[in-house]
Amino acid sequence: MNLIKVLEKLENISRKLDLLDKSLDQQKFMVPQHMSLSEWNEYKKKHKINGPADYHKKFPNAKWKIVHGNKKGEIGKPLKGMTNMSYAEAVKAHAAVYINKHS
């Protein structure tokens, strides 16, 4: 494998790691299972929490879902197969969706 190909692969890996970092910062569409997206946004404001990690500290056994964020008519609806997940599963699923969408 020549040096140019190695550098290209490293650049691709670096870009994906940057996207993963951003996805962890922007977990807007990771929602507790029992709330809608709008209820979740209101809850965060009312209780002054920054996001899923803060909620998870308070309620470690809570189940999560990943919802649509940008698709007109679908905003707030759960993504197929991405409901009733543990926090760790939801973080991984959200990161995968975010990376897929932005790469």
PDB file of N, CA and C in Angstrom:
ATOM      1  N   MET A   1       0.866  -1.181   0.000  1.00  0.00           N
ATOM      2  CA  MET A   1       0.000   0.000   0.000  1.00  0.00           C
ATOM      3  C   MET A   1       0.905   1.235   0.000  1.00  0.00           C
ATOM      4  N   ASN A   2       0.643   2.149  -0.891  1.00  0.00           N
ATOM      5  CA  ASN A   2       1.507   3.313  -0.965  1.00  0.00           C
ATOM      6  C   ASN A   2       1.093   4.391   0.046  1.00  0.00           C
ATOM      7  N   LEU A   3       1.939   5.334   0.244  1.00  0.00           N
ATOM      8  CA  LEU A   3       1.752   6.384   1.247  1.00  0.00           C
ATOM      9  C   LEU A   3       0.496   7.218   1.002  1.00  0.00           C
ATOM     10  N   ILE A   4       0.179   7.491  -0.247  1.00  0.00           N
ATOM     11  CA  ILE A   4      -1.004   8.306  -0.561  1.00  0.00           C
ATOM     12  C   ILE A   4      -2.277   7.601  -0.109  1.00  0.00           C
ATOM     13  N   LYS A   5      -2.363   6.305  -0.358  1.00  0.00           N
ATOM     14  CA  LYS A   5      -3.549   5.550   0.061  1.00  0.00           C
ATOM     15  C   LYS A   5      -3.666   5.515   1.588  1.00  0.00           C
ATOM     16  N   VAL A   6      -2.552   5.363   2.261  1.00  0.00           N
ATOM     17  CA  VAL A   6      -2.558   5.348   3.728  1.00  0.00           C
ATOM     18  C   VAL A   6      -3.037   6.697   4.259  1.00  0.00           C
ATOM     19  N   LEU A   7      -2.544   7.782   3.682  1.00  0.00           N
ATOM     20  CA  LEU A   7      -2.963   9.115   4.104  1.00  0.00           C
ATOM     21  C   LEU A   7      -4.448   9.349   3.836  1.00  0.00           C
ATOM     22  N   GLU A   8      -4.936   8.859   2.713  1.00  0.00           N
ATOM     23  CA  GLU A   8      -6.361   8.987   2.405  1.00  0.00           C
ATOM     24  C   GLU A   8      -7.214   8.232   3.432  1.00  0.00           C
ATOM     25  N   LYS A   9      -6.783   7.033   3.799  1.00  0.00           N
ATOM     26  CA  LYS A   9      -7.519   6.257   4.802  1.00  0.00           C
ATOM     27  C   LYS A   9      -7.504   6.954   6.151  1.00  0.00           C
ATOM     28  N   LEU A  10      -6.349   7.501   6.531  1.00  0.00           N
ATOM     29  CA  LEU A  10      -6.256   8.227   7.797  1.00  0.00           C
ATOM     30  C   LEU A  10      -7.150   9.463   7.794  1.00  0.00           C
ATOM     31  N   GLU A  11      -7.218  10.143   6.686  1.00  0.00           N
ATOM     32  CA  GLU A  11      -8.079  11.320   6.568  1.00  0.00           C
ATOM     33  C   GLU A  11      -9.549  10.919   6.706  1.00  0.00           C
ATOM     34  N   ASN A  12      -9.925   9.809   6.087  1.00  0.00           N
ATOM     35  CA  ASN A  12     -11.289   9.311   6.179  1.00  0.00           C
ATOM     36  C   ASN A  12     -11.639   8.936   7.624  1.00  0.00           C
ATOM     37  N   ILE A  13     -10.728   8.261   8.303  1.00  0.00           N
ATOM     38  CA  ILE A  13     -10.937   7.890   9.707  1.00  0.00           C
ATOM     39  C   ILE A  13     -11.054   9.134  10.570  1.00  0.00           C
ATOM     40  N   SER A  14     -10.210  10.107  10.334  1.00  0.00           N
ATOM     41  CA  SER A  14     -10.241  11.359  11.090  1.00  0.00           C
ATOM     42  C   SER A  14     -11.568  12.077  10.906  1.00  0.00           C
ATOM     43  N   ARG A  15     -12.072  12.098   9.672  1.00  0.00           N
ATOM     44  CA  ARG A  15     -13.358  12.746   9.384  1.00  0.00           C
ATOM     45  C   ARG A  15     -14.490  12.037  10.131  1.00  0.00           C
ATOM     46  N   LYS A  16     -14.470  10.711  10.149  1.00  0.00           N
ATOM     47  CA  LYS A  16     -15.508   9.958  10.852  1.00  0.00           C
ATOM     48  C   LYS A  16     -15.427  10.179  12.365  1.00  0.00           C
ATOM     49  N   LEU A  17     -14.222  10.292  12.901  1.00  0.00           N
ATOM     50  CA  LEU A  17     -14.082  10.577  14.331  1.00  0.00           C
ATOM     51  C   LEU A  17     -14.609  11.965  14.672  1.00  0.00           C
ATOM     52  N   ASP A  18     -14.376  12.931  13.792  1.00  0.00           N
ATOM     53  CA  ASP A  18     -14.932  14.277  13.994  1.00  0.00           C
ATOM     54  C   ASP A  18     -16.458  14.234  13.996  1.00  0.00           C
ATOM     55  N   LEU A  19     -17.029  13.477  13.077  1.00  0.00           N
ATOM     56  CA  LEU A  19     -18.487  13.341  13.031  1.00  0.00           C
ATOM     57  C   LEU A  19     -19.010  12.671  14.291  1.00  0.00           C
ATOM     58  N   LEU A  20     -18.291  11.672  14.791  1.00  0.00           N
ATOM     59  CA  LEU A  20     -18.703  11.002  16.023  1.00  0.00           C
ATOM     60  C   LEU A  20     -18.693  11.981  17.188  1.00  0.00           C
ATOM     61  N   ASP A  21     -17.657  12.803  17.269  1.00  0.00           N
ATOM     62  CA  ASP A  21     -17.599  13.833  18.313  1.00  0.00           C
ATOM     63  C   ASP A  21     -18.805  14.759  18.229  1.00  0.00           C
ATOM     64  N   LYS A  22     -19.108  15.206  17.024  1.00  0.00           N
ATOM     65  CA  LYS A  22     -20.249  16.107  16.843  1.00  0.00           C
ATOM     66  C   LYS A  22     -21.553  15.421  17.201  1.00  0.00           C
ATOM     67  N   SER A  23     -21.681  14.143  16.869  1.00  0.00           N
ATOM     68  CA  SER A  23     -22.928  13.434  17.169  1.00  0.00           C
ATOM     69  C   SER A  23     -23.134  13.325  18.675  1.00  0.00           C
ATOM     70  N   LEU A  24     -22.059  13.161  19.407  1.00  0.00           N
ATOM     71  CA  LEU A  24     -22.188  13.063  20.861  1.00  0.00           C
ATOM     72  C   LEU A  24     -22.582  14.407  21.465  1.00  0.00           C
ATOM     73  N   ASP A  25     -22.165  15.493  20.820  1.00  0.00           N
ATOM     74  CA  ASP A  25     -22.539  16.828  21.288  1.00  0.00           C
ATOM     75  C   ASP A  25     -23.981  17.176  20.926  1.00  0.00           C
ATOM     76  N   GLN A  26     -24.497  16.573  19.875  1.00  0.00           N
ATOM     77  CA  GLN A  26     -25.800  16.980  19.355  1.00  0.00           C
ATOM     78  C   GLN A  26     -26.811  15.842  19.424  1.00  0.00           C
ATOM     79  N   GLN A  27     -27.043  15.341  20.609  1.00  0.00           N
ATOM     80  CA  GLN A  27     -27.978  14.228  20.760  1.00  0.00           C
ATOM     81  C   GLN A  27     -29.407  14.740  20.924  1.00  0.00           C
ATOM     82  N   LYS A  28     -29.800  15.647  20.050  1.00  0.00           N
ATOM     83  CA  LYS A  28     -31.123  16.265  20.121  1.00  0.00           C
ATOM     84  C   LYS A  28     -32.236  15.266  19.883  1.00  0.00           C
ATOM     85  N   PHE A  29     -31.962  14.231  19.134  1.00  0.00           N
ATOM     86  CA  PHE A  29     -33.009  13.327  18.699  1.00  0.00           C
ATOM     87  C   PHE A  29     -32.985  11.993  19.435  1.00  0.00           C
ATOM     88  N   MET A  30     -32.303  11.974  20.568  1.00  0.00           N
ATOM     89  CA  MET A  30     -32.323  10.847  21.486  1.00  0.00           C
ATOM     90  C   MET A  30     -33.309  11.236  22.580  1.00  0.00           C
ATOM     91  N   VAL A  31     -34.419  10.518  22.668  1.00  0.00           N
ATOM     92  CA  VAL A  31     -35.543  10.926  23.512  1.00  0.00           C
ATOM     93  C   VAL A  31     -35.930   9.787  24.448  1.00  0.00           C
ATOM     94  N   PRO A  32     -36.230  10.091  25.727  1.00  0.00           N
ATOM     95  CA  PRO A  32     -36.735   9.034  26.604  1.00  0.00           C
ATOM     96  C   PRO A  32     -37.971   8.381  25.990  1.00  0.00           C
ATOM     97  N   GLN A  33     -38.073   7.076  26.126  1.00  0.00           N
ATOM     98  CA  GLN A  33     -39.125   6.294  25.479  1.00  0.00           C
ATOM     99  C   GLN A  33     -40.532   6.822  25.772  1.00  0.00           C
ATOM    100  N   HIS A  34     -40.760   7.292  26.975  1.00  0.00           N
ATOM    101  CA  HIS A  34     -42.117   7.685  27.382  1.00  0.00           C
ATOM    102  C   HIS A  34     -42.478   9.131  27.031  1.00  0.00           C
ATOM    103  N   MET A  35     -41.582   9.850  26.334  1.00  0.00           N
ATOM    104  CA  MET A  35     -41.850  11.249  25.981  1.00  0.00           C
ATOM    105  C   MET A  35     -41.854  11.437  24.472  1.00  0.00           C
ATOM    106  N   SER A  36     -42.554  12.471  24.034  1.00  0.00           N
ATOM    107  CA  SER A  36     -42.453  12.887  22.633  1.00  0.00           C
ATOM    108  C   SER A  36     -41.260  13.844  22.533  1.00  0.00           C
ATOM    109  N   LEU A  37     -40.867  14.179  21.316  1.00  0.00           N
ATOM    110  CA  LEU A  37     -39.753  15.109  21.119  1.00  0.00           C
ATOM    111  C   LEU A  37     -40.068  16.467  21.745  1.00  0.00           C
ATOM    112  N   SER A  38     -41.281  16.957  21.564  1.00  0.00           N
ATOM    113  CA  SER A  38     -41.635  18.260  22.138  1.00  0.00           C
ATOM    114  C   SER A  38     -41.677  18.202  23.663  1.00  0.00           C
ATOM    115  N   GLU A  39     -42.191  17.104  24.230  1.00  0.00           N
ATOM    116  CA  GLU A  39     -42.195  16.949  25.694  1.00  0.00           C
ATOM    117  C   GLU A  39     -40.770  16.902  26.234  1.00  0.00           C
ATOM    118  N   TRP A  40     -39.891  16.221  25.504  1.00  0.00           N
ATOM    119  CA  TRP A  40     -38.482  16.114  25.902  1.00  0.00           C
ATOM    120  C   TRP A  40     -37.819  17.497  25.897  1.00  0.00           C
ATOM    121  N   ASN A  41     -38.067  18.274  24.857  1.00  0.00           N
ATOM    122  CA  ASN A  41     -37.481  19.618  24.787  1.00  0.00           C
ATOM    123  C   ASN A  41     -37.991  20.507  25.919  1.00  0.00           C
ATOM    124  N   GLU A  42     -39.266  20.407  26.236  1.00  0.00           N
ATOM    125  CA  GLU A  42     -39.837  21.171  27.353  1.00  0.00           C
ATOM    126  C   GLU A  42     -39.247  20.712  28.686  1.00  0.00           C
ATOM    127  N   TYR A  43     -39.105  19.402  28.848  1.00  0.00           N
ATOM    128  CA  TYR A  43     -38.545  18.849  30.084  1.00  0.00           C
ATOM    129  C   TYR A  43     -37.121  19.360  30.303  1.00  0.00           C
ATOM    130  N   LYS A  44     -36.311  19.364  29.219  1.00  0.00           N
ATOM    131  CA  LYS A  44     -34.930  19.838  29.337  1.00  0.00           C
ATOM    132  C   LYS A  44     -34.879  21.290  29.785  1.00  0.00           C
ATOM    133  N   LYS A  45     -35.764  22.132  29.227  1.00  0.00           N
ATOM    134  CA  LYS A  45     -35.794  23.545  29.629  1.00  0.00           C
ATOM    135  C   LYS A  45     -36.234  23.696  31.076  1.00  0.00           C
ATOM    136  N   LYS A  46     -37.316  23.021  31.422  1.00  0.00           N
ATOM    137  CA  LYS A  46     -37.894  23.153  32.757  1.00  0.00           C
ATOM    138  C   LYS A  46     -36.942  22.684  33.854  1.00  0.00           C
ATOM    139  N   HIS A  47     -36.247  21.584  33.610  1.00  0.00           N
ATOM    140  CA  HIS A  47     -35.377  20.997  34.631  1.00  0.00           C
ATOM    141  C   HIS A  47     -33.905  21.362  34.441  1.00  0.00           C
ATOM    142  N   LYS A  48     -33.645  22.234  33.464  1.00  0.00           N
ATOM    143  CA  LYS A  48     -32.296  22.749  33.193  1.00  0.00           C
ATOM    144  C   LYS A  48     -31.261  21.626  33.058  1.00  0.00           C
ATOM    145  N   ILE A  49     -31.579  20.686  32.190  1.00  0.00           N
ATOM    146  CA  ILE A  49     -30.610  19.638  31.889  1.00  0.00           C
ATOM    147  C   ILE A  49     -30.100  19.852  30.468  1.00  0.00           C
ATOM    148  N   ASN A  50     -28.881  19.410  30.228  1.00  0.00           N
ATOM    149  CA  ASN A  50     -28.244  19.645  28.938  1.00  0.00           C
ATOM    150  C   ASN A  50     -28.587  18.596  27.887  1.00  0.00           C
ATOM    151  N   GLY A  51     -28.989  17.428  28.315  1.00  0.00           N
ATOM    152  CA  GLY A  51     -29.294  16.407  27.328  1.00  0.00           C
ATOM    153  C   GLY A  51     -29.412  15.030  27.944  1.00  0.00           C
ATOM    154  N   PRO A  52     -29.332  14.016  27.090  1.00  0.00           N
ATOM    155  CA  PRO A  52     -29.534  12.643  27.528  1.00  0.00           C
ATOM    156  C   PRO A  52     -28.592  12.186  28.649  1.00  0.00           C
ATOM    157  N   ALA A  53     -27.351  12.628  28.629  1.00  0.00           N
ATOM    158  CA  ALA A  53     -26.399  12.178  29.655  1.00  0.00           C
ATOM    159  C   ALA A  53     -26.840  12.626  31.049  1.00  0.00           C
ATOM    160  N   ASP A  54     -27.323  13.857  31.162  1.00  0.00           N
ATOM    161  CA  ASP A  54     -27.800  14.353  32.454  1.00  0.00           C
ATOM    162  C   ASP A  54     -29.023  13.576  32.922  1.00  0.00           C
ATOM    163  N   TYR A  55     -29.943  13.302  32.011  1.00  0.00           N
ATOM    164  CA  TYR A  55     -31.158  12.553  32.344  1.00  0.00           C
ATOM    165  C   TYR A  55     -30.792  11.126  32.754  1.00  0.00           C
ATOM    166  N   HIS A  56     -29.832  10.550  32.048  1.00  0.00           N
ATOM    167  CA  HIS A  56     -29.392   9.178  32.337  1.00  0.00           C
ATOM    168  C   HIS A  56     -28.803   9.071  33.749  1.00  0.00           C
ATOM    169  N   LYS A  57     -28.114  10.107  34.192  1.00  0.00           N
ATOM    170  CA  LYS A  57     -27.560  10.089  35.555  1.00  0.00           C
ATOM    171  C   LYS A  57     -28.668  10.012  36.599  1.00  0.00           C
ATOM    172  N   LYS A  58     -29.767  10.724  36.344  1.00  0.00           N
ATOM    173  CA  LYS A  58     -30.909  10.728  37.259  1.00  0.00           C
ATOM    174  C   LYS A  58     -31.731   9.446  37.171  1.00  0.00           C
ATOM    175  N   PHE A  59     -31.901   8.959  35.954  1.00  0.00           N
ATOM    176  CA  PHE A  59     -32.751   7.798  35.693  1.00  0.00           C
ATOM    177  C   PHE A  59     -31.976   6.760  34.869  1.00  0.00           C
ATOM    178  N   PRO A  60     -31.068   6.025  35.511  1.00  0.00           N
ATOM    179  CA  PRO A  60     -30.193   5.112  34.760  1.00  0.00           C
ATOM    180  C   PRO A  60     -30.918   3.949  34.074  1.00  0.00           C
ATOM    181  N   ASN A  61     -32.117   3.626  34.504  1.00  0.00           N
ATOM    182  CA  ASN A  61     -32.839   2.503  33.892  1.00  0.00           C
ATOM    183  C   ASN A  61     -33.822   2.931  32.813  1.00  0.00           C
ATOM    184  N   ALA A  62     -33.840   4.210  32.489  1.00  0.00           N
ATOM    185  CA  ALA A  62     -34.775   4.722  31.479  1.00  0.00           C
ATOM    186  C   ALA A  62     -34.472   4.110  30.119  1.00  0.00           C
ATOM    187  N   LYS A  63     -35.511   3.887  29.345  1.00  0.00           N
ATOM    188  CA  LYS A  63     -35.367   3.395  27.971  1.00  0.00           C
ATOM    189  C   LYS A  63     -35.418   4.596  27.028  1.00  0.00           C
ATOM    190  N   TRP A  64     -34.796   4.449  25.855  1.00  0.00           N
ATOM    191  CA  TRP A  64     -34.635   5.550  24.919  1.00  0.00           C
ATOM    192  C   TRP A  64     -35.122   5.181  23.530  1.00  0.00           C
ATOM    193  N   LYS A  65     -35.348   6.206  22.717  1.00  0.00           N
ATOM    194  CA  LYS A  65     -35.671   6.026  21.308  1.00  0.00           C
ATOM    195  C   LYS A  65     -34.957   7.109  20.511  1.00  0.00           C
ATOM    196  N   ILE A  66     -34.740   6.824  19.236  1.00  0.00           N
ATOM    197  CA  ILE A  66     -34.157   7.794  18.309  1.00  0.00           C
ATOM    198  C   ILE A  66     -35.285   8.236  17.383  1.00  0.00           C
ATOM    199  N   VAL A  67     -35.467   9.555  17.237  1.00  0.00           N
ATOM    200  CA  VAL A  67     -36.563  10.074  16.427  1.00  0.00           C
ATOM    201  C   VAL A  67     -36.037  10.866  15.233  1.00  0.00           C
ATOM    202  N   HIS A  68     -36.896  11.012  14.224  1.00  0.00           N
ATOM    203  CA  HIS A  68     -36.574  11.833  13.049  1.00  0.00           C
ATOM    204  C   HIS A  68     -36.402  13.280  13.490  1.00  0.00           C
ATOM    205  N   GLY A  69     -35.486  13.977  12.833  1.00  0.00           N
ATOM    206  CA  GLY A  69     -35.275  15.366  13.185  1.00  0.00           C
ATOM    207  C   GLY A  69     -35.481  16.345  12.052  1.00  0.00           C
ATOM    208  N   ASN A  70     -35.248  15.928  10.819  1.00  0.00           N
ATOM    209  CA  ASN A  70     -35.267  16.890   9.715  1.00  0.00           C
ATOM    210  C   ASN A  70     -36.264  16.563   8.620  1.00  0.00           C
ATOM    211  N   LYS A  71     -36.781  15.382   8.599  1.00  0.00           N
ATOM    212  CA  LYS A  71     -37.642  14.952   7.496  1.00  0.00           C
ATOM    213  C   LYS A  71     -39.056  15.494   7.686  1.00  0.00           C
ATOM    214  N   LYS A  72     -39.471  16.385   6.801  1.00  0.00           N
ATOM    215  CA  LYS A  72     -40.778  17.035   6.916  1.00  0.00           C
ATOM    216  C   LYS A  72     -41.889  15.977   7.017  1.00  0.00           C
ATOM    217  N   GLY A  73     -42.770  16.165   7.975  1.00  0.00           N
ATOM    218  CA  GLY A  73     -43.858  15.225   8.205  1.00  0.00           C
ATOM    219  C   GLY A  73     -43.487  14.055   9.087  1.00  0.00           C
ATOM    220  N   GLU A  74     -42.197  13.868   9.321  1.00  0.00           N
ATOM    221  CA  GLU A  74     -41.722  12.750  10.131  1.00  0.00           C
ATOM    222  C   GLU A  74     -41.068  13.216  11.440  1.00  0.00           C
ATOM    223  N   ILE A  75     -40.872  14.506  11.601  1.00  0.00           N
ATOM    224  CA  ILE A  75     -40.149  15.040  12.758  1.00  0.00           C
ATOM    225  C   ILE A  75     -40.798  14.558  14.050  1.00  0.00           C
ATOM    226  N   GLY A  76     -39.976  13.956  14.898  1.00  0.00           N
ATOM    227  CA  GLY A  76     -40.438  13.470  16.190  1.00  0.00           C
ATOM    228  C   GLY A  76     -40.915  12.035  16.193  1.00  0.00           C
ATOM    229  N   LYS A  77     -41.095  11.445  15.023  1.00  0.00           N
ATOM    230  CA  LYS A  77     -41.520  10.045  14.961  1.00  0.00           C
ATOM    231  C   LYS A  77     -40.301   9.143  15.110  1.00  0.00           C
ATOM    232  N   PRO A  78     -40.434   8.041  15.847  1.00  0.00           N
ATOM    233  CA  PRO A  78     -39.288   7.144  16.038  1.00  0.00           C
ATOM    234  C   PRO A  78     -38.803   6.529  14.726  1.00  0.00           C
ATOM    235  N   LEU A  79     -37.499   6.369  14.623  1.00  0.00           N
ATOM    236  CA  LEU A  79     -36.926   5.645  13.498  1.00  0.00           C
ATOM    237  C   LEU A  79     -37.259   4.165  13.683  1.00  0.00           C
ATOM    238  N   LYS A  80     -37.505   3.486  12.590  1.00  0.00           N
ATOM    239  CA  LYS A  80     -37.893   2.076  12.637  1.00  0.00           C
ATOM    240  C   LYS A  80     -36.820   1.244  13.349  1.00  0.00           C
ATOM    241  N   GLY A  81     -37.254   0.495  14.341  1.00  0.00           N
ATOM    242  CA  GLY A  81     -36.343  -0.391  15.063  1.00  0.00           C
ATOM    243  C   GLY A  81     -35.476   0.296  16.102  1.00  0.00           C
ATOM    244  N   MET A  82     -35.706   1.582  16.345  1.00  0.00           N
ATOM    245  CA  MET A  82     -34.847   2.309  17.283  1.00  0.00           C
ATOM    246  C   MET A  82     -35.661   2.825  18.464  1.00  0.00           C
ATOM    247  N   THR A  83     -36.355   1.919  19.109  1.00  0.00           N
ATOM    248  CA  THR A  83     -37.122   2.255  20.306  1.00  0.00           C
ATOM    249  C   THR A  83     -36.784   1.257  21.407  1.00  0.00           C
ATOM    250  N   ASN A  84     -37.135   1.624  22.629  1.00  0.00           N
ATOM    251  CA  ASN A  84     -36.968   0.747  23.789  1.00  0.00           C
ATOM    252  C   ASN A  84     -35.523   0.273  23.955  1.00  0.00           C
ATOM    253  N   MET A  85     -34.583   1.191  23.800  1.00  0.00           N
ATOM    254  CA  MET A  85     -33.155   0.871  23.900  1.00  0.00           C
ATOM    255  C   MET A  85     -32.583   1.355  25.222  1.00  0.00           C
ATOM    256  N   SER A  86     -31.524   0.701  25.659  1.00  0.00           N
ATOM    257  CA  SER A  86     -30.795   1.203  26.821  1.00  0.00           C
ATOM    258  C   SER A  86     -30.066   2.479  26.404  1.00  0.00           C
ATOM    259  N   TYR A  87     -29.541   3.205  27.376  1.00  0.00           N
ATOM    260  CA  TYR A  87     -28.814   4.438  27.070  1.00  0.00           C
ATOM    261  C   TYR A  87     -27.624   4.147  26.150  1.00  0.00           C
ATOM    262  N   ALA A  88     -26.843   3.107  26.478  1.00  0.00           N
ATOM    263  CA  ALA A  88     -25.657   2.779  25.679  1.00  0.00           C
ATOM    264  C   ALA A  88     -26.041   2.426  24.244  1.00  0.00           C
ATOM    265  N   GLU A  89     -27.104   1.645  24.079  1.00  0.00           N
ATOM    266  CA  GLU A  89     -27.560   1.283  22.734  1.00  0.00           C
ATOM    267  C   GLU A  89     -28.008   2.522  21.961  1.00  0.00           C
ATOM    268  N   ALA A  90     -28.713   3.412  22.641  1.00  0.00           N
ATOM    269  CA  ALA A  90     -29.212   4.623  21.986  1.00  0.00           C
ATOM    270  C   ALA A  90     -28.072   5.543  21.562  1.00  0.00           C
ATOM    271  N   VAL A  91     -27.049   5.659  22.389  1.00  0.00           N
ATOM    272  CA  VAL A  91     -25.889   6.493  22.036  1.00  0.00           C
ATOM    273  C   VAL A  91     -25.229   5.943  20.775  1.00  0.00           C
ATOM    274  N   LYS A  92     -25.040   4.626  20.730  1.00  0.00           N
ATOM    275  CA  LYS A  92     -24.418   4.001  19.554  1.00  0.00           C
ATOM    276  C   LYS A  92     -25.289   4.172  18.311  1.00  0.00           C
ATOM    277  N   ALA A  93     -26.590   3.958  18.464  1.00  0.00           N
ATOM    278  CA  ALA A  93     -27.504   4.082  17.327  1.00  0.00           C
ATOM    279  C   ALA A  93     -27.533   5.523  16.815  1.00  0.00           C
ATOM    280  N   HIS A  94     -27.581   6.479  17.735  1.00  0.00           N
ATOM    281  CA  HIS A  94     -27.600   7.886  17.333  1.00  0.00           C
ATOM    282  C   HIS A  94     -26.319   8.244  16.588  1.00  0.00           C
ATOM    283  N   ALA A  95     -25.187   7.787  17.098  1.00  0.00           N
ATOM    284  CA  ALA A  95     -23.914   8.086  16.440  1.00  0.00           C
ATOM    285  C   ALA A  95     -23.872   7.470  15.038  1.00  0.00           C
ATOM    286  N   ALA A  96     -24.381   6.255  14.885  1.00  0.00           N
ATOM    287  CA  ALA A  96     -24.386   5.606  13.579  1.00  0.00           C
ATOM    288  C   ALA A  96     -25.270   6.370  12.595  1.00  0.00           C
ATOM    289  N   VAL A  97     -26.444   6.795  13.040  1.00  0.00           N
ATOM    290  CA  VAL A  97     -27.341   7.552  12.170  1.00  0.00           C
ATOM    291  C   VAL A  97     -26.703   8.877  11.786  1.00  0.00           C
ATOM    292  N   TYR A  98     -26.106   9.557  12.751  1.00  0.00           N
ATOM    293  CA  TYR A  98     -25.491  10.864  12.512  1.00  0.00           C
ATOM    294  C   TYR A  98     -24.339  10.739  11.514  1.00  0.00           C
ATOM    295  N   ILE A  99     -23.480   9.758  11.723  1.00  0.00           N
ATOM    296  CA  ILE A  99     -22.329   9.567  10.830  1.00  0.00           C
ATOM    297  C   ILE A  99     -22.804   9.207   9.424  1.00  0.00           C
ATOM    298  N   ASN A 100     -23.790   8.329   9.331  1.00  0.00           N
ATOM    299  CA  ASN A 100     -24.315   7.926   8.021  1.00  0.00           C
ATOM    300  C   ASN A 100     -24.896   9.119   7.281  1.00  0.00           C
ATOM    301  N   LYS A 101     -25.608   9.966   8.004  1.00  0.00           N
ATOM    302  CA  LYS A 101     -26.254  11.118   7.383  1.00  0.00           C
ATOM    303  C   LYS A 101     -25.251  12.189   6.940  1.00  0.00           C
ATOM    304  N   HIS A 102     -24.167  12.335   7.684  1.00  0.00           N
ATOM    305  CA  HIS A 102     -23.231  13.435   7.422  1.00  0.00           C
ATOM    306  C   HIS A 102     -21.928  13.008   6.741  1.00  0.00           C
ATOM    307  N   SER A 103     -21.835  11.776   6.309  1.00  0.00           N
ATOM    308  CA  SER A 103     -20.577  11.382   5.646  1.00  0.00           C
ATOM    309  C   SER A 103     -20.765  11.192   4.160  1.00  0.00           C
TER     310      SER A 103
END
